[in-house]
Protein backbone atom coordinates (compact mmCIF):
# COMPACT_ATOMS: atom_id res chain seq x y z
CA MET A 1 18.31 -22.58 -1.16
CA ARG A 2 17.14 -19.80 -3.90
CA ASP A 3 14.61 -17.32 -3.73
CA ASP A 4 12.30 -16.86 -6.61
CA CYS A 5 13.91 -13.46 -8.00
CA GLY A 6 17.62 -14.78 -7.80
CA GLY A 7 19.15 -13.85 -4.55
CA SER A 8 19.46 -15.82 -1.50
CA LEU A 9 16.38 -16.95 0.25
CA MET A 10 18.54 -16.55 4.25
CA GLU A 11 21.80 -18.48 4.00
CA GLY A 12 22.67 -16.15 7.07
CA LYS A 13 23.22 -12.95 4.79
CA ASP A 14 21.80 -9.47 5.93
CA ILE A 15 18.54 -9.13 3.56
CA LEU A 16 18.96 -5.56 4.07
CA ASN A 17 22.33 -6.49 1.78
CA GLN A 18 20.93 -8.64 -0.63
CA HIS A 19 18.36 -5.83 -1.84
CA ALA A 20 20.60 -3.38 -3.61
CA SER A 21 22.19 -6.22 -5.82
CA ALA A 22 18.72 -8.17 -6.30
CA SER A 23 16.59 -4.56 -7.22
CA ALA A 24 20.10 -4.04 -9.87
CA ALA A 25 19.38 -7.89 -11.41
CA ALA A 26 15.71 -6.95 -11.77
CA ASP A 27 16.07 -4.03 -13.27
CA ALA A 28 18.02 -5.55 -16.16
CA ALA A 29 15.76 -8.11 -16.44
CA ALA A 30 12.76 -5.48 -16.86
CA THR A 31 13.12 -6.40 -20.91
CA PRO A 32 10.05 -8.43 -22.48
CA VAL A 33 11.14 -11.87 -22.75
CA SER A 34 8.27 -13.20 -23.94
CA GLY A 35 6.13 -10.32 -23.77
CA LEU A 36 6.05 -9.15 -20.28
CA PRO A 37 8.92 -8.23 -17.51
CA LEU A 38 9.89 -10.94 -15.54
CA ASP A 39 8.67 -13.54 -17.89
CA ASP A 40 11.96 -14.89 -17.75
CA ARG A 41 11.68 -15.74 -13.93
CA VAL A 42 7.85 -16.27 -13.50
CA ASP A 43 8.29 -19.94 -12.66
CA GLU A 44 10.50 -19.46 -10.02
CA LEU A 45 8.55 -16.45 -9.08
CA ARG A 46 4.91 -18.57 -8.71
CA ARG A 47 6.88 -21.08 -6.63
CA GLN A 48 7.80 -18.47 -4.06
CA PHE A 49 3.51 -18.02 -3.99
CA PRO A 50 2.41 -21.77 -3.35
CA ILE A 51 -1.23 -20.82 -3.67
CA VAL A 52 -0.95 -19.60 -7.72
CA SER A 53 -0.14 -23.32 -8.02
CA ARG A 54 -3.31 -24.08 -6.86
CA LYS A 55 -5.44 -21.26 -7.85
CA ALA A 56 -5.86 -18.66 -10.48
CA TYR A 57 -5.41 -15.73 -7.39
CA LEU A 58 -6.49 -12.46 -8.92
CA ASN A 59 -6.94 -10.44 -5.67
CA SER A 60 -4.02 -8.86 -4.58
CA ASN A 61 -6.25 -5.64 -4.35
CA SER A 62 -7.59 -7.20 -1.12
CA LEU A 63 -4.88 -9.55 0.67
CA GLY A 64 -1.69 -10.04 -1.12
CA ALA A 65 -0.38 -13.72 -1.62
CA LEU A 66 1.84 -15.20 0.91
CA SER A 67 5.84 -15.81 0.08
CA LEU A 68 7.68 -18.83 1.56
CA ARG A 69 9.78 -16.08 2.61
CA SER A 70 7.18 -14.67 5.08
CA LEU A 71 7.05 -18.10 6.53
CA ASP A 72 10.45 -18.47 6.51
CA GLU A 73 10.61 -15.06 8.37
CA HIS A 74 7.89 -15.59 10.78
CA ARG A 75 9.07 -19.07 11.70
CA ARG A 76 12.18 -17.22 12.44
CA PHE A 77 10.37 -15.04 14.72
CA GLU A 78 8.95 -18.03 16.82
CA GLU A 79 12.39 -19.49 16.73
CA LEU A 80 13.87 -16.70 18.52
CA TRP A 81 10.95 -16.00 20.60
CA ASN A 82 11.54 -19.87 21.58
CA GLU A 83 15.37 -19.54 22.21
CA MET A 84 15.95 -16.02 23.69
CA GLY A 85 12.63 -14.54 25.36
CA ALA A 86 12.65 -11.35 25.64
CA GLY A 87 16.55 -11.64 24.97
CA ALA A 88 15.62 -11.06 21.03
CA TRP A 89 14.17 -7.28 21.78
CA TYR A 90 17.18 -5.33 21.71
CA GLU A 91 19.45 -6.20 19.10
CA ILE A 92 17.64 -8.69 16.77
CA TRP A 93 13.53 -7.50 17.10
CA VAL A 94 14.60 -3.79 17.63
CA ALA A 95 16.69 -4.33 13.91
CA LYS A 96 13.88 -6.16 12.06
CA LEU A 97 11.67 -3.25 13.01
CA GLU A 98 14.64 -0.76 11.41
CA GLU A 99 14.62 -2.97 8.72
CA VAL A 100 11.08 -2.65 8.08
CA ARG A 101 11.12 0.83 7.85
CA GLU A 102 13.85 1.08 5.30
CA SER A 103 11.58 -1.64 3.18
CA PHE A 104 8.75 0.66 3.09
CA GLY A 105 10.61 3.62 2.77
CA ARG A 106 12.04 2.08 -0.12
CA THR A 107 9.06 0.93 -1.87
CA VAL A 108 7.87 4.96 -1.73
CA GLY A 109 11.24 5.87 -2.65
CA ALA A 110 11.96 7.56 0.88
CA GLY A 111 14.60 6.38 4.28
CA ALA A 112 13.71 4.91 6.75
CA ASP A 113 13.93 8.30 9.03
CA THR A 114 10.74 8.97 6.85
CA ILE A 115 8.77 6.10 8.11
CA ALA A 116 6.99 5.36 11.19
CA LEU A 117 5.43 2.08 11.84
CA MET A 118 1.33 1.60 12.53
CA PRO A 119 -1.15 -0.82 13.34
CA SER A 120 -3.39 0.20 10.48
CA VAL A 121 -4.05 3.03 7.93
CA SER A 122 -6.67 4.08 10.35
CA ALA A 123 -4.59 5.09 13.35
CA ALA A 124 -1.78 6.50 10.93
CA VAL A 125 -5.17 8.70 9.27
CA ALA A 126 -5.70 9.39 13.65
CA VAL A 127 -2.44 10.06 14.72
CA VAL A 128 -1.68 12.71 11.60
CA TRP A 129 -5.03 14.47 12.33
CA GLY A 130 -4.24 14.85 16.05
CA ALA A 131 -0.90 16.73 15.01
CA VAL A 132 -2.73 19.01 11.99
CA ALA A 133 -5.92 19.69 13.97
CA ALA A 134 -3.22 21.16 17.22
CA SER A 135 -0.98 22.98 14.56
CA ALA A 136 -3.90 24.56 12.87
CA ARG A 137 -5.64 25.68 15.92
CA ALA A 138 -3.89 29.33 15.65
CA THR A 139 -4.51 29.98 12.18
CA GLY A 140 -8.15 29.06 12.55
CA ARG A 141 -8.13 26.08 9.80
CA ASN A 142 -10.74 23.26 10.65
CA ARG A 143 -11.60 21.80 7.53
CA VAL A 144 -10.70 18.82 6.32
CA VAL A 145 -11.42 17.56 2.47
CA LEU A 146 -11.64 14.13 0.76
CA THR A 147 -13.77 12.71 -2.01
CA GLU A 148 -16.84 10.09 -1.88
CA LEU A 149 -14.93 7.65 -4.08
CA ASP A 150 -12.08 7.47 -1.02
CA PHE A 151 -12.13 3.66 1.52
CA PRO A 152 -14.52 4.43 3.98
CA THR A 153 -11.81 4.62 7.06
CA VAL A 154 -11.01 7.88 6.06
CA GLY A 155 -14.19 9.43 5.83
CA HIS A 156 -15.13 7.50 8.90
CA HIS A 157 -12.26 9.07 11.03
CA PHE A 158 -13.26 12.89 10.26
CA LEU A 159 -16.60 12.25 10.43
CA SER A 160 -16.53 11.11 13.34
CA GLN A 161 -14.82 14.18 14.81
CA ARG A 162 -18.00 16.54 13.51
CA ALA A 163 -19.39 16.48 16.94
CA ASN A 164 -15.78 18.69 17.95
CA GLY A 165 -17.02 20.88 15.03
CA LEU A 166 -14.92 19.84 11.97
CA GLU A 167 -16.12 20.40 9.03
CA VAL A 168 -15.58 17.78 6.53
CA GLU A 169 -16.27 18.26 2.66
CA ILE A 170 -16.88 15.67 0.39
CA VAL A 171 -15.86 16.07 -3.28
CA SER A 172 -18.16 14.23 -5.72
CA SER A 173 -17.08 11.95 -8.45
CA PRO A 174 -19.75 12.30 -11.60
CA ASP A 175 -19.38 9.28 -12.33
CA GLY A 176 -18.00 6.55 -9.70
CA ILE A 177 -14.61 6.53 -11.50
CA HIS A 178 -13.42 9.40 -11.02
CA VAL A 179 -13.41 13.00 -8.94
CA PRO A 180 -12.11 16.23 -11.21
CA LEU A 181 -9.50 17.93 -10.25
CA GLU A 182 -10.94 21.08 -10.61
CA SER A 183 -13.60 19.34 -8.45
CA ILE A 184 -10.79 18.99 -5.42
CA ARG A 185 -9.25 22.63 -6.23
CA GLU A 186 -12.78 24.34 -5.39
CA ALA A 187 -13.12 22.42 -2.72
CA VAL A 188 -9.58 23.18 -0.63
CA ASP A 189 -9.33 26.75 0.21
CA GLU A 190 -8.06 29.27 3.05
CA ARG A 191 -10.18 27.14 5.89
CA THR A 192 -8.97 23.85 5.02
CA ALA A 193 -6.67 22.07 7.39
CA LEU A 194 -5.54 18.93 5.53
CA LEU A 195 -6.34 17.17 1.96
CA ALA A 196 -6.96 13.43 2.50
CA THR A 197 -7.28 11.26 -0.45
CA SER A 198 -6.08 8.48 -2.79
CA HIS A 199 -3.71 7.83 -4.80
CA VAL A 200 -5.77 4.77 -6.62
CA PHE A 201 -9.28 4.52 -5.74
CA PHE A 202 -10.60 1.10 -4.63
CA THR A 203 -14.11 1.75 -6.22
CA SER A 204 -12.48 1.87 -9.57
CA GLY A 205 -8.81 1.71 -10.07
CA ASN A 206 -8.59 4.73 -11.36
CA THR A 207 -5.05 6.39 -10.31
CA GLN A 208 -4.90 10.32 -9.00
CA ASP A 209 -2.40 13.04 -10.06
CA ALA A 210 -0.55 13.12 -7.11
CA ALA A 211 1.84 16.00 -7.54
CA GLU A 212 -1.49 17.82 -8.82
CA LEU A 213 -3.21 17.11 -5.35
CA THR A 214 -0.12 17.99 -3.43
CA ARG A 215 0.03 21.71 -5.15
CA ILE A 216 -3.33 22.50 -4.50
CA ALA A 217 -2.82 21.75 -0.99
CA HIS A 218 -0.10 23.25 -0.53
CA ASP A 219 -1.34 26.49 -2.56
CA SER A 220 -3.86 26.79 -0.11
CA GLY A 221 -1.98 26.32 2.88
CA ALA A 222 -3.11 22.86 3.71
CA PHE A 223 -1.23 19.43 4.34
CA ILE A 224 -1.85 16.52 1.85
CA LEU A 225 -2.07 13.12 3.47
CA LEU A 226 -2.33 10.67 0.24
CA ASP A 227 -3.63 7.13 1.17
CA ALA A 228 -1.21 4.70 -1.32
CA TYR A 229 -2.49 1.23 0.14
CA GLN A 230 -3.87 0.89 -3.51
CA SER A 231 -1.05 1.69 -4.85
CA ASN A 232 2.28 0.90 -3.01
CA GLY A 233 3.38 -2.68 -4.69
CA GLN A 234 1.92 -2.05 -8.07
CA LEU A 235 2.80 0.94 -8.87
CA GLU A 236 6.19 3.31 -8.44
CA ILE A 237 5.81 5.75 -5.87
CA ASP A 238 8.51 8.79 -5.41
CA ALA A 239 6.98 10.02 -2.49
CA PRO A 240 10.02 12.86 -1.95
CA ALA A 241 9.34 13.73 -5.32
CA LEU A 242 5.79 14.37 -5.17
CA GLY A 243 6.58 16.37 -1.92
CA VAL A 244 3.43 14.99 0.00
CA ASP A 245 3.27 15.67 3.37
CA PHE A 246 1.83 12.52 5.05
CA LEU A 247 1.58 8.63 2.66
CA VAL A 248 0.14 5.92 4.25
CA GLY A 249 -0.43 2.49 3.12
CA GLY A 250 0.11 -1.69 4.45
CA ALA A 251 2.05 -4.69 4.04
CA LEU A 252 -1.54 -6.43 3.32
CA LYS A 253 -2.33 -5.93 -0.23
CA TRP A 254 0.23 -5.51 -3.29
CA LEU A 255 3.28 -5.45 -1.06
CA CYS A 256 2.34 -9.10 0.10
CA GLY A 257 3.39 -8.86 3.68
CA GLY A 258 -0.20 -9.65 5.28
CA PRO A 259 -2.57 -8.12 7.91
CA GLY A 260 -1.45 -5.98 11.22
CA MET A 261 1.37 -3.43 9.63
CA ALA A 262 1.30 -0.31 8.01
CA TYR A 263 3.28 2.58 7.65
CA LEU A 264 3.59 6.53 7.83
CA HIS A 265 5.43 8.74 5.71
CA VAL A 266 6.00 11.88 7.22
CA ARG A 267 7.63 14.60 4.57
CA PRO A 268 11.27 15.65 6.73
CA GLU A 269 10.01 19.35 6.27
CA VAL A 270 7.22 18.51 8.45
CA ARG A 271 7.47 19.95 12.00
CA ILE A 272 4.85 18.98 13.41
CA ASP A 273 4.18 16.82 16.53
CA PRO A 274 1.71 14.07 17.86
CA VAL A 275 -0.39 15.02 20.30
CA THR A 276 -0.37 11.44 21.52
CA LEU A 277 3.28 10.29 22.06
CA SER A 278 4.10 6.35 22.71
CA TRP A 279 7.40 5.12 24.33
CA PHE A 280 8.63 4.24 20.71
CA GLY A 281 8.23 7.80 19.86
CA VAL A 282 10.50 9.48 22.08
CA GLU A 283 13.81 10.70 22.04
CA ASN A 284 15.33 8.22 24.60
CA GLN A 285 13.24 5.22 24.41
CA PHE A 286 15.28 2.77 26.32
CA LEU A 287 16.21 5.36 29.14
CA PHE A 288 12.76 4.77 30.84
CA ASP A 289 12.35 7.86 31.40
CA ILE A 290 8.18 8.98 32.52
CA ARG A 291 9.11 12.67 33.18
CA ASP A 292 11.05 12.21 29.36
CA ALA A 293 8.64 13.44 26.98
CA THR A 294 10.74 14.81 23.92
CA PRO A 295 10.01 13.54 20.69
CA ARG A 296 12.00 11.86 18.15
CA ALA A 297 12.98 14.17 15.42
CA ASP A 298 12.18 11.75 12.66
CA ALA A 299 9.03 10.39 11.59
CA ARG A 300 9.00 7.73 14.25
CA ARG A 301 7.55 10.24 16.61
CA PHE A 302 4.21 9.11 15.34
CA GLU A 303 4.30 5.49 16.14
CA LEU A 304 1.47 4.59 18.43
CA GLY A 305 3.88 2.45 21.08
CA THR A 306 5.42 -1.20 20.05
CA PRO A 307 5.41 -2.64 17.03
CA ALA A 308 3.62 -5.79 16.23
CA THR A 309 6.70 -7.53 16.19
CA GLY A 310 5.85 -10.86 14.43
CA VAL A 311 3.92 -9.41 11.50
CA ALA A 312 6.89 -7.11 10.85
CA TYR A 313 8.96 -10.78 10.40
CA THR A 314 6.25 -11.47 7.94
CA ALA A 315 5.96 -8.28 6.15
CA ALA A 316 9.74 -8.02 5.67
CA GLY A 317 9.45 -11.29 3.62
CA GLY A 318 7.00 -10.14 0.69
CA LEU A 319 8.68 -6.69 1.12
CA SER A 320 11.94 -8.43 0.24
CA VAL A 321 10.41 -10.25 -2.78
CA LEU A 322 8.97 -7.10 -4.31
CA LEU A 323 12.16 -5.20 -4.15
CA GLU A 324 14.34 -7.74 -5.06
CA CYS A 325 12.30 -7.88 -8.55
CA GLY A 326 11.84 -4.55 -8.80
CA ILE A 327 9.04 -2.22 -8.59
CA ALA A 328 9.66 -0.65 -11.82
CA ALA A 329 9.19 -4.04 -13.51
CA ILE A 330 6.45 -5.59 -11.44
CA GLU A 331 4.42 -2.14 -12.60
CA GLN A 332 5.37 -2.99 -16.27
CA ARG A 333 4.36 -6.66 -16.22
CA ASN A 334 0.96 -5.66 -13.83
CA ARG A 335 -0.08 -3.23 -16.47
CA GLY A 336 0.56 -5.55 -19.00
CA LEU A 337 -1.33 -8.24 -17.16
CA ALA A 338 -4.50 -5.94 -16.85
CA GLN A 339 -4.42 -4.88 -20.69
CA ASP A 340 -5.09 -8.15 -21.76
CA LEU A 341 -7.51 -8.72 -18.80
CA ARG A 342 -9.60 -6.03 -20.27
CA ASP A 343 -9.09 -6.65 -24.00
CA ARG A 344 -10.42 -10.10 -23.27
CA LEU A 345 -13.48 -8.58 -21.03
CA ALA A 346 -14.07 -5.90 -23.87
CA ASP A 347 -14.10 -8.35 -26.78
CA LEU A 348 -17.07 -10.98 -24.83
CA GLY A 349 -19.06 -7.64 -24.34
CA TYR A 350 -18.40 -6.92 -20.51
CA GLY A 351 -18.82 -3.25 -19.31
CA LEU A 352 -15.88 -2.08 -17.72
CA HIS A 353 -15.93 0.25 -15.20
CA GLN A 354 -12.32 2.33 -15.57
CA ALA A 355 -10.84 5.40 -16.57
CA ALA A 356 -11.43 7.03 -20.02
CA ASP A 357 -7.75 8.05 -20.14
CA PRO A 358 -5.54 4.61 -20.16
CA ALA A 359 -2.61 6.32 -18.49
CA ALA A 360 -4.87 6.74 -15.10
CA ARG A 361 -5.81 3.23 -14.98
CA SER A 362 -4.04 0.90 -12.48
CA ALA A 363 -3.93 -3.14 -12.39
CA LEU A 364 -7.26 -2.83 -10.63
CA VAL A 365 -9.86 -4.59 -13.75
CA LEU A 366 -13.91 -3.71 -12.60
CA VAL A 367 -16.13 -5.09 -14.24
CA GLU A 368 -19.96 -4.66 -14.76
CA HIS A 369 -22.27 -8.07 -13.38
CA GLU A 370 -25.83 -8.16 -12.66
CA ASP A 371 -24.92 -10.67 -9.98
CA ALA A 372 -21.33 -10.04 -8.77
CA PRO A 373 -21.28 -11.58 -6.07
CA GLY A 374 -22.50 -15.01 -7.57
CA ALA A 375 -19.90 -14.49 -10.26
CA VAL A 376 -17.27 -14.26 -7.47
CA HIS A 377 -18.88 -17.57 -5.69
CA HIS A 378 -19.15 -18.91 -9.39
CA LEU A 379 -15.46 -18.62 -9.98
CA ALA A 380 -14.02 -19.69 -6.27
CA GLU A 381 -15.66 -22.78 -6.90
CA ARG A 382 -13.35 -23.39 -10.13
CA HIS A 383 -10.35 -22.39 -8.25
CA ILE A 384 -10.18 -18.32 -9.15
CA ILE A 385 -9.89 -15.87 -6.57
CA VAL A 386 -11.57 -12.61 -6.90
CA ASP A 387 -13.99 -10.57 -5.23
CA HIS A 388 -16.43 -7.55 -5.41
CA ARG A 389 -17.85 -4.30 -4.57
CA GLY A 390 -21.39 -3.90 -5.19
CA PRO A 391 -22.19 -4.65 -9.13
CA LEU A 392 -18.46 -4.66 -10.13
CA VAL A 393 -16.23 -7.58 -10.00
CA ARG A 394 -13.14 -6.86 -9.23
CA PHE A 395 -9.64 -8.39 -10.67
CA SER A 396 -6.17 -7.36 -9.95
CA PRO A 397 -3.61 -9.14 -11.87
CA HIS A 398 -0.06 -9.10 -9.45
CA PHE A 399 2.98 -9.86 -10.99
CA TYR A 400 2.79 -13.72 -10.29
CA ASN A 401 -0.13 -14.04 -12.35
CA THR A 402 0.10 -14.91 -15.83
CA ILE A 403 -1.85 -14.75 -19.19
CA GLU A 404 -2.85 -18.14 -18.63
CA ASP A 405 -4.51 -17.05 -15.35
CA ASN A 406 -6.17 -14.55 -17.58
CA GLU A 407 -7.45 -17.24 -20.06
CA ARG A 408 -9.42 -19.44 -17.54
CA ALA A 409 -10.88 -16.03 -14.82
CA VAL A 410 -12.45 -15.42 -18.33
CA ALA A 411 -13.71 -18.17 -19.70
CA ALA A 412 -14.88 -18.53 -16.03
CA LEU A 413 -16.77 -16.11 -16.04
CA ALA A 414 -18.33 -16.41 -19.00
CA GLY A 415 -19.98 -19.07 -17.59
CA THR A 416 -21.88 -17.22 -15.16
């Protein structure tokens, strides 16, 4: 059985060994054939994601489409559980967890040793702040800076810590689309322990300058946590080159791996330890020694107990499809699809909630609508799946979408 990006789906081979050759093939095929990268294989690719044969699925910013490979991977997990029971743990399931760390790492240009598996970004933020707060006590830094356009879970965690004396600065946006770097620079000072903000804002699709944000934090002696949930899988990311201390994301959205599996990338030079240590985070895990709490030297010291192995299999399936297609080619395709969608909407007179600078726009396209919930329902009745936030309808074309999907969606929206 062949996969939809040209590599072997399973065939008894190790998936990790397939990634390098398949990614190289995807990069070589990135030259547009019919105007967009991956057009030469889009029919096969779409067969890997069955939902797109039934619907114009333009909601990957909320939940990536489910692939046949993820289904096969999860069935494999169930078969192993049924056949081997706990015997699957030590060699097979532990190896799968390491494969997923390696795959997450590849999506951000980093090694598996810099990746800790997490149940959610909320958990990652909590464990990072525990470590940062403990390290900052001696310096008197007790301030966190974020922005009003960041996803609420980030703000909720830090606001909950105000009762413990934490000062939280939320930088305002002048337009609901972006936050000026100068405003962030003014907010980050010698009292700041952590700058926590988004790579791409879920509220506007605006991409922030992650390298400059890192400079702002480090110039003031603060750590930076970058939320890449809305960028990873649709944009190329080189976390080591950016120099971010902590980067969080997950399989749920653009990485097409489903809920329940997130990750935390930790820059190797960051030597602080978590204040919550689990048995997956200690150096000699399988000695089962309750008296030995030596943290691992790598990012896994931040892991919060046994990862959800079943969802790791599902995540591995989606991640492998993206890595084999190549995120560089996916980014180019998504940008082309998003621009086509914007042009069609603008031609019909719709107001677009977007960055003034085209370079700062992502594949998240937000449209002003007087009845956004009603528009989403209207499109769903016509098998076009999008979502909304407040008065904005959100479209998010991904690499399995086509120009025809855009045509259907815009025509249906025009009928609302």
